[in-house]
């Protein structure tokens, strides 16, 4: 009887949480400059007024110790 109850609980959780895990992010429409009524822009609007000598560099991929500690704490809190 306990096995059947555990199986039913597992299947119920699976059916409740699977749609959220499998759902994808839908792309939003491109944003218009000055529009404030719609959802946030899906892509950044580039400005044509860049200063001479400015370089667009991608963000660094550095991982700091705080991020690692937070991830470890989150993982340990699950058990």
PDB file of N, CA and C in Angstrom:
ATOM      1  N   UNK A   1       0.819  -1.193   0.000  1.00  0.00           N
ATOM      2  CA  UNK A   1       0.000   0.000   0.000  1.00  0.00           C
ATOM      3  C   UNK A   1       0.867   1.262   0.000  1.00  0.00           C
ATOM      4  N   UNK A   2       1.985   1.220   0.761  1.00  0.00           N
ATOM      5  CA  UNK A   2       2.869   2.387   0.794  1.00  0.00           C
ATOM      6  C   UNK A   2       3.534   2.597  -0.555  1.00  0.00           C
ATOM      7  N   UNK A   3       3.843   1.507  -1.254  1.00  0.00           N
ATOM      8  CA  UNK A   3       4.441   1.639  -2.583  1.00  0.00           C
ATOM      9  C   UNK A   3       3.478   2.295  -3.551  1.00  0.00           C
ATOM     10  N   UNK A   4       2.216   1.929  -3.467  1.00  0.00           N
ATOM     11  CA  UNK A   4       1.213   2.520  -4.350  1.00  0.00           C
ATOM     12  C   UNK A   4       1.033   4.009  -4.057  1.00  0.00           C
ATOM     13  N   UNK A   5       1.053   4.368  -2.774  1.00  0.00           N
ATOM     14  CA  UNK A   5       0.918   5.772  -2.391  1.00  0.00           C
ATOM     15  C   UNK A   5       2.113   6.592  -2.890  1.00  0.00           C
ATOM     16  N   UNK A   6       3.318   6.028  -2.756  1.00  0.00           N
ATOM     17  CA  UNK A   6       4.518   6.719  -3.243  1.00  0.00           C
ATOM     18  C   UNK A   6       4.512   6.878  -4.749  1.00  0.00           C
ATOM     19  N   UNK A   7       4.036   5.835  -5.443  1.00  0.00           N
ATOM     20  CA  UNK A   7       3.946   5.907  -6.900  1.00  0.00           C
ATOM     21  C   UNK A   7       2.934   6.971  -7.327  1.00  0.00           C
ATOM     22  N   UNK A   8       1.800   7.015  -6.670  1.00  0.00           N
ATOM     23  CA  UNK A   8       0.777   8.010  -6.999  1.00  0.00           C
ATOM     24  C   UNK A   8       1.291   9.421  -6.726  1.00  0.00           C
ATOM     25  N   UNK A   9       1.997   9.599  -5.617  1.00  0.00           N
ATOM     26  CA  UNK A   9       2.548  10.916  -5.295  1.00  0.00           C
ATOM     27  C   UNK A   9       3.596  11.328  -6.323  1.00  0.00           C
ATOM     28  N   UNK A  10       4.446  10.392  -6.729  1.00  0.00           N
ATOM     29  CA  UNK A  10       5.480  10.696  -7.724  1.00  0.00           C
ATOM     30  C   UNK A  10       4.870  11.080  -9.058  1.00  0.00           C
ATOM     31  N   UNK A  11       3.865  10.328  -9.488  1.00  0.00           N
ATOM     32  CA  UNK A  11       3.223  10.645 -10.767  1.00  0.00           C
ATOM     33  C   UNK A  11       2.486  11.978 -10.713  1.00  0.00           C
ATOM     34  N   UNK A  12       1.870  12.269  -9.587  1.00  0.00           N
ATOM     35  CA  UNK A  12       1.173  13.550  -9.446  1.00  0.00           C
ATOM     36  C   UNK A  12       2.155  14.713  -9.530  1.00  0.00           C
ATOM     37  N   UNK A  13       3.272  14.602  -8.813  1.00  0.00           N
ATOM     38  CA  UNK A  13       4.280  15.657  -8.886  1.00  0.00           C
ATOM     39  C   UNK A  13       4.857  15.779 -10.287  1.00  0.00           C
ATOM     40  N   UNK A  14       5.061  14.660 -10.931  1.00  0.00           N
ATOM     41  CA  UNK A  14       5.583  14.681 -12.298  1.00  0.00           C
ATOM     42  C   UNK A  14       4.626  15.407 -13.233  1.00  0.00           C
ATOM     43  N   UNK A  15       3.346  15.109 -13.132  1.00  0.00           N
ATOM     44  CA  UNK A  15       2.370  15.751 -14.013  1.00  0.00           C
ATOM     45  C   UNK A  15       2.182  17.234 -13.688  1.00  0.00           C
ATOM     46  N   UNK A  16       2.395  17.620 -12.450  1.00  0.00           N
ATOM     47  CA  UNK A  16       2.252  19.030 -12.092  1.00  0.00           C
ATOM     48  C   UNK A  16       3.476  19.867 -12.478  1.00  0.00           C
ATOM     49  N   UNK A  17       4.665  19.286 -12.369  1.00  0.00           N
ATOM     50  CA  UNK A  17       5.882  20.064 -12.585  1.00  0.00           C
ATOM     51  C   UNK A  17       6.454  19.935 -13.996  1.00  0.00           C
ATOM     52  N   UNK A  18       6.069  18.925 -14.734  1.00  0.00           N
ATOM     53  CA  UNK A  18       6.630  18.720 -16.073  1.00  0.00           C
ATOM     54  C   UNK A  18       6.314  19.869 -17.038  1.00  0.00           C
ATOM     55  N   UNK A  19       5.080  20.390 -17.091  1.00  0.00           N
ATOM     56  CA  UNK A  19       4.830  21.484 -18.047  1.00  0.00           C
ATOM     57  C   UNK A  19       5.697  22.719 -17.791  1.00  0.00           C
ATOM     58  N   UNK A  20       5.939  23.036 -16.529  1.00  0.00           N
ATOM     59  CA  UNK A  20       6.766  24.199 -16.222  1.00  0.00           C
ATOM     60  C   UNK A  20       8.212  23.964 -16.629  1.00  0.00           C
ATOM     61  N   UNK A  21       8.681  22.735 -16.468  1.00  0.00           N
ATOM     62  CA  UNK A  21      10.066  22.430 -16.819  1.00  0.00           C
ATOM     63  C   UNK A  21      10.264  22.368 -18.325  1.00  0.00           C
ATOM     64  N   UNK A  22       9.257  21.946 -19.046  1.00  0.00           N
ATOM     65  CA  UNK A  22       9.374  21.797 -20.494  1.00  0.00           C
ATOM     66  C   UNK A  22       8.991  23.054 -21.268  1.00  0.00           C
ATOM     67  N   UNK A  23       8.401  24.020 -20.595  1.00  0.00           N
ATOM     68  CA  UNK A  23       7.953  25.238 -21.272  1.00  0.00           C
ATOM     69  C   UNK A  23       9.155  26.048 -21.738  1.00  0.00           C
ATOM     70  N   UNK A  24       9.058  26.581 -22.929  1.00  0.00           N
ATOM     71  CA  UNK A  24      10.130  27.409 -23.469  1.00  0.00           C
ATOM     72  C   UNK A  24       9.773  28.873 -23.385  1.00  0.00           C
ATOM     73  N   UNK A  25      10.757  29.689 -23.553  1.00  0.00           N
ATOM     74  CA  UNK A  25      10.535  31.129 -23.538  1.00  0.00           C
ATOM     75  C   UNK A  25      10.132  31.561 -24.940  1.00  0.00           C
ATOM     76  N   UNK A  26       9.015  32.244 -25.039  1.00  0.00           N
ATOM     77  CA  UNK A  26       8.555  32.698 -26.341  1.00  0.00           C
ATOM     78  C   UNK A  26       9.208  34.032 -26.664  1.00  0.00           C
ATOM     79  N   UNK A  27       9.634  34.216 -27.898  1.00  0.00           N
ATOM     80  CA  UNK A  27      10.271  35.486 -28.254  1.00  0.00           C
ATOM     81  C   UNK A  27       9.244  36.612 -28.297  1.00  0.00           C
ATOM     82  N   UNK A  28       9.636  37.747 -27.783  1.00  0.00           N
ATOM     83  CA  UNK A  28       8.763  38.905 -27.787  1.00  0.00           C
ATOM     84  C   UNK A  28       8.940  39.713 -29.059  1.00  0.00           C
ATOM     85  N   UNK A  29       8.026  40.614 -29.316  1.00  0.00           N
ATOM     86  CA  UNK A  29       8.160  41.456 -30.500  1.00  0.00           C
ATOM     87  C   UNK A  29       9.305  42.446 -30.329  1.00  0.00           C
ATOM     88  N   UNK A  30       9.880  42.907 -31.418  1.00  0.00           N
ATOM     89  CA  UNK A  30      10.929  43.916 -31.279  1.00  0.00           C
ATOM     90  C   UNK A  30      10.347  45.193 -30.683  1.00  0.00           C
ATOM     91  N   UNK A  31      11.151  45.908 -29.944  1.00  0.00           N
ATOM     92  CA  UNK A  31      10.630  47.085 -29.272  1.00  0.00           C
ATOM     93  C   UNK A  31      10.796  48.334 -30.128  1.00  0.00           C
ATOM     94  N   UNK A  32       9.893  49.240 -29.901  1.00  0.00           N
ATOM     95  CA  UNK A  32       9.937  50.528 -30.582  1.00  0.00           C
ATOM     96  C   UNK A  32      10.528  51.554 -29.616  1.00  0.00           C
ATOM     97  N   UNK A  33      11.366  52.436 -30.092  1.00  0.00           N
ATOM     98  CA  UNK A  33      11.943  53.453 -29.202  1.00  0.00           C
ATOM     99  C   UNK A  33      10.857  54.316 -28.558  1.00  0.00           C
ATOM    100  N   UNK A  34      10.924  54.477 -27.264  1.00  0.00           N
ATOM    101  CA  UNK A  34       9.982  55.323 -26.545  1.00  0.00           C
ATOM    102  C   UNK A  34       8.724  54.618 -26.103  1.00  0.00           C
ATOM    103  N   UNK A  35       8.534  53.368 -26.459  1.00  0.00           N
ATOM    104  CA  UNK A  35       7.324  52.646 -26.076  1.00  0.00           C
ATOM    105  C   UNK A  35       7.453  52.179 -24.629  1.00  0.00           C
ATOM    106  N   UNK A  36       6.466  52.521 -23.803  1.00  0.00           N
ATOM    107  CA  UNK A  36       6.505  52.126 -22.405  1.00  0.00           C
ATOM    108  C   UNK A  36       5.336  51.239 -22.016  1.00  0.00           C
ATOM    109  N   UNK A  37       4.351  51.056 -22.873  1.00  0.00           N
ATOM    110  CA  UNK A  37       3.157  50.295 -22.516  1.00  0.00           C
ATOM    111  C   UNK A  37       3.337  48.799 -22.716  1.00  0.00           C
ATOM    112  N   UNK A  38       4.288  48.382 -23.518  1.00  0.00           N
ATOM    113  CA  UNK A  38       4.449  46.964 -23.827  1.00  0.00           C
ATOM    114  C   UNK A  38       5.384  46.265 -22.876  1.00  0.00           C
ATOM    115  N   UNK A  39       5.613  44.974 -23.133  1.00  0.00           N
ATOM    116  CA  UNK A  39       6.562  44.215 -22.299  1.00  0.00           C
ATOM    117  C   UNK A  39       7.989  44.664 -22.560  1.00  0.00           C
ATOM    118  N   UNK A  40       8.921  44.252 -21.725  1.00  0.00           N
ATOM    119  CA  UNK A  40      10.321  44.632 -21.935  1.00  0.00           C
ATOM    120  C   UNK A  40      10.830  44.145 -23.289  1.00  0.00           C
ATOM    121  N   UNK A  41      11.773  44.856 -23.840  1.00  0.00           N
ATOM    122  CA  UNK A  41      12.302  44.531 -25.156  1.00  0.00           C
ATOM    123  C   UNK A  41      13.056  43.206 -25.124  1.00  0.00           C
ATOM    124  N   UNK A  42      12.921  42.441 -26.204  1.00  0.00           N
ATOM    125  CA  UNK A  42      13.638  41.179 -26.274  1.00  0.00           C
ATOM    126  C   UNK A  42      15.057  41.380 -26.771  1.00  0.00           C
ATOM    127  N   UNK A  43      15.315  42.492 -27.381  1.00  0.00           N
ATOM    128  CA  UNK A  43      16.660  42.797 -27.848  1.00  0.00           C
ATOM    129  C   UNK A  43      16.965  44.253 -27.555  1.00  0.00           C
ATOM    130  N   UNK A  44      18.202  44.532 -27.326  1.00  0.00           N
ATOM    131  CA  UNK A  44      18.598  45.895 -26.982  1.00  0.00           C
ATOM    132  C   UNK A  44      18.560  46.782 -28.213  1.00  0.00           C
ATOM    133  N   UNK A  45      18.135  48.003 -28.015  1.00  0.00           N
ATOM    134  CA  UNK A  45      18.115  48.969 -29.103  1.00  0.00           C
ATOM    135  C   UNK A  45      19.480  49.637 -29.140  1.00  0.00           C
ATOM    136  N   UNK A  46      20.123  49.564 -30.282  1.00  0.00           N
ATOM    137  CA  UNK A  46      21.461  50.153 -30.375  1.00  0.00           C
ATOM    138  C   UNK A  46      21.342  51.648 -30.648  1.00  0.00           C
ATOM    139  N   UNK A  47      22.235  52.371 -30.057  1.00  0.00           N
ATOM    140  CA  UNK A  47      22.234  53.811 -30.279  1.00  0.00           C
ATOM    141  C   UNK A  47      23.297  54.144 -31.322  1.00  0.00           C
ATOM    142  N   UNK A  48      22.964  55.042 -32.197  1.00  0.00           N
ATOM    143  CA  UNK A  48      23.882  55.417 -33.268  1.00  0.00           C
ATOM    144  C   UNK A  48      24.830  56.526 -32.831  1.00  0.00           C
ATOM    145  N   UNK A  49      24.736  56.969 -31.587  1.00  0.00           N
ATOM    146  CA  UNK A  49      25.556  58.084 -31.124  1.00  0.00           C
ATOM    147  C   UNK A  49      26.750  57.592 -30.313  1.00  0.00           C
ATOM    148  N   UNK A  50      27.478  56.631 -30.844  1.00  0.00           N
ATOM    149  CA  UNK A  50      28.655  56.125 -30.133  1.00  0.00           C
ATOM    150  C   UNK A  50      29.807  57.114 -30.297  1.00  0.00           C
ATOM    151  N   UNK A  51      30.552  57.286 -29.235  1.00  0.00           N
ATOM    152  CA  UNK A  51      31.700  58.174 -29.262  1.00  0.00           C
ATOM    153  C   UNK A  51      32.834  57.528 -30.042  1.00  0.00           C
ATOM    154  N   UNK A  52      33.636  58.309 -30.729  1.00  0.00           N
ATOM    155  CA  UNK A  52      34.785  57.725 -31.412  1.00  0.00           C
ATOM    156  C   UNK A  52      35.745  57.104 -30.403  1.00  0.00           C
ATOM    157  N   UNK A  53      36.195  55.914 -30.705  1.00  0.00           N
ATOM    158  CA  UNK A  53      37.106  55.223 -29.810  1.00  0.00           C
ATOM    159  C   UNK A  53      36.414  54.288 -28.840  1.00  0.00           C
ATOM    160  N   UNK A  54      35.092  54.365 -28.732  1.00  0.00           N
ATOM    161  CA  UNK A  54      34.375  53.438 -27.859  1.00  0.00           C
ATOM    162  C   UNK A  54      34.381  52.052 -28.483  1.00  0.00           C
ATOM    163  N   UNK A  55      34.595  51.064 -27.632  1.00  0.00           N
ATOM    164  CA  UNK A  55      34.609  49.683 -28.117  1.00  0.00           C
ATOM    165  C   UNK A  55      33.516  48.902 -27.410  1.00  0.00           C
ATOM    166  N   UNK A  56      32.745  48.159 -28.166  1.00  0.00           N
ATOM    167  CA  UNK A  56      31.725  47.302 -27.585  1.00  0.00           C
ATOM    168  C   UNK A  56      32.361  45.950 -27.295  1.00  0.00           C
ATOM    169  N   UNK A  57      32.603  45.680 -26.026  1.00  0.00           N
ATOM    170  CA  UNK A  57      33.210  44.413 -25.644  1.00  0.00           C
ATOM    171  C   UNK A  57      32.175  43.571 -24.922  1.00  0.00           C
ATOM    172  N   UNK A  58      32.224  42.267 -25.113  1.00  0.00           N
ATOM    173  CA  UNK A  58      31.261  41.408 -24.407  1.00  0.00           C
ATOM    174  C   UNK A  58      31.598  41.359 -22.918  1.00  0.00           C
ATOM    175  N   UNK A  59      30.605  41.027 -22.094  1.00  0.00           N
ATOM    176  CA  UNK A  59      30.875  40.938 -20.662  1.00  0.00           C
ATOM    177  C   UNK A  59      31.829  39.794 -20.364  1.00  0.00           C
ATOM    178  N   UNK A  60      32.554  39.924 -19.281  1.00  0.00           N
ATOM    179  CA  UNK A  60      33.528  38.892 -18.929  1.00  0.00           C
ATOM    180  C   UNK A  60      32.818  37.664 -18.388  1.00  0.00           C
ATOM    181  N   UNK A  61      33.479  36.537 -18.489  1.00  0.00           N
ATOM    182  CA  UNK A  61      32.922  35.278 -18.022  1.00  0.00           C
ATOM    183  C   UNK A  61      33.495  34.871 -16.667  1.00  0.00           C
ATOM    184  N   UNK A  62      33.884  35.831 -15.867  1.00  0.00           N
ATOM    185  CA  UNK A  62      34.463  35.544 -14.572  1.00  0.00           C
ATOM    186  C   UNK A  62      33.384  35.067 -13.606  1.00  0.00           C
ATOM    187  N   UNK A  63      33.731  34.101 -12.776  1.00  0.00           N
ATOM    188  CA  UNK A  63      32.837  33.605 -11.739  1.00  0.00           C
ATOM    189  C   UNK A  63      33.472  33.953 -10.401  1.00  0.00           C
ATOM    190  N   UNK A  64      32.760  34.708  -9.599  1.00  0.00           N
ATOM    191  CA  UNK A  64      33.329  35.085  -8.314  1.00  0.00           C
ATOM    192  C   UNK A  64      32.963  34.068  -7.240  1.00  0.00           C
ATOM    193  N   UNK A  65      33.631  34.153  -6.123  1.00  0.00           N
ATOM    194  CA  UNK A  65      33.458  33.191  -5.045  1.00  0.00           C
ATOM    195  C   UNK A  65      32.051  33.246  -4.465  1.00  0.00           C
ATOM    196  N   UNK A  66      31.430  34.408  -4.442  1.00  0.00           N
ATOM    197  CA  UNK A  66      30.079  34.546  -3.900  1.00  0.00           C
ATOM    198  C   UNK A  66      29.092  33.712  -4.698  1.00  0.00           C
ATOM    199  N   UNK A  67      29.205  33.718  -6.005  1.00  0.00           N
ATOM    200  CA  UNK A  67      28.307  32.940  -6.846  1.00  0.00           C
ATOM    201  C   UNK A  67      28.479  31.450  -6.590  1.00  0.00           C
ATOM    202  N   UNK A  68      29.705  31.004  -6.460  1.00  0.00           N
ATOM    203  CA  UNK A  68      29.970  29.583  -6.205  1.00  0.00           C
ATOM    204  C   UNK A  68      29.391  29.172  -4.857  1.00  0.00           C
ATOM    205  N   UNK A  69      29.567  29.999  -3.837  1.00  0.00           N
ATOM    206  CA  UNK A  69      29.054  29.685  -2.505  1.00  0.00           C
ATOM    207  C   UNK A  69      27.529  29.639  -2.521  1.00  0.00           C
ATOM    208  N   UNK A  70      26.887  30.570  -3.220  1.00  0.00           N
ATOM    209  CA  UNK A  70      25.427  30.572  -3.293  1.00  0.00           C
ATOM    210  C   UNK A  70      24.906  29.322  -3.982  1.00  0.00           C
ATOM    211  N   UNK A  71      25.578  28.882  -5.033  1.00  0.00           N
ATOM    212  CA  UNK A  71      25.144  27.679  -5.744  1.00  0.00           C
ATOM    213  C   UNK A  71      25.308  26.454  -4.852  1.00  0.00           C
ATOM    214  N   UNK A  72      26.395  26.374  -4.116  1.00  0.00           N
ATOM    215  CA  UNK A  72      26.614  25.240  -3.210  1.00  0.00           C
ATOM    216  C   UNK A  72      25.562  25.244  -2.099  1.00  0.00           C
ATOM    217  N   UNK A  73      25.263  26.406  -1.542  1.00  0.00           N
ATOM    218  CA  UNK A  73      24.230  26.485  -0.502  1.00  0.00           C
ATOM    219  C   UNK A  73      22.877  26.064  -1.040  1.00  0.00           C
ATOM    220  N   UNK A  74      22.555  26.477  -2.241  1.00  0.00           N
ATOM    221  CA  UNK A  74      21.277  26.089  -2.841  1.00  0.00           C
ATOM    222  C   UNK A  74      21.227  24.583  -3.056  1.00  0.00           C
ATOM    223  N   UNK A  75      22.308  24.002  -3.541  1.00  0.00           N
ATOM    224  CA  UNK A  75      22.341  22.561  -3.774  1.00  0.00           C
ATOM    225  C   UNK A  75      22.223  21.793  -2.461  1.00  0.00           C
ATOM    226  N   UNK A  76      22.886  22.266  -1.408  1.00  0.00           N
ATOM    227  CA  UNK A  76      22.823  21.576  -0.120  1.00  0.00           C
ATOM    228  C   UNK A  76      21.465  21.747   0.558  1.00  0.00           C
ATOM    229  N   UNK A  77      20.763  22.846   0.264  1.00  0.00           N
ATOM    230  CA  UNK A  77      19.453  23.038   0.875  1.00  0.00           C
ATOM    231  C   UNK A  77      18.404  22.113   0.290  1.00  0.00           C
ATOM    232  N   UNK A  78      18.689  21.520  -0.879  1.00  0.00           N
ATOM    233  CA  UNK A  78      17.739  20.598  -1.479  1.00  0.00           C
ATOM    234  C   UNK A  78      17.745  19.243  -0.794  1.00  0.00           C
ATOM    235  N   UNK A  79      18.814  18.932  -0.061  1.00  0.00           N
ATOM    236  CA  UNK A  79      18.914  17.620   0.581  1.00  0.00           C
ATOM    237  C   UNK A  79      18.597  17.699   2.010  1.00  0.00           C
TER     238      UNK A  79
END
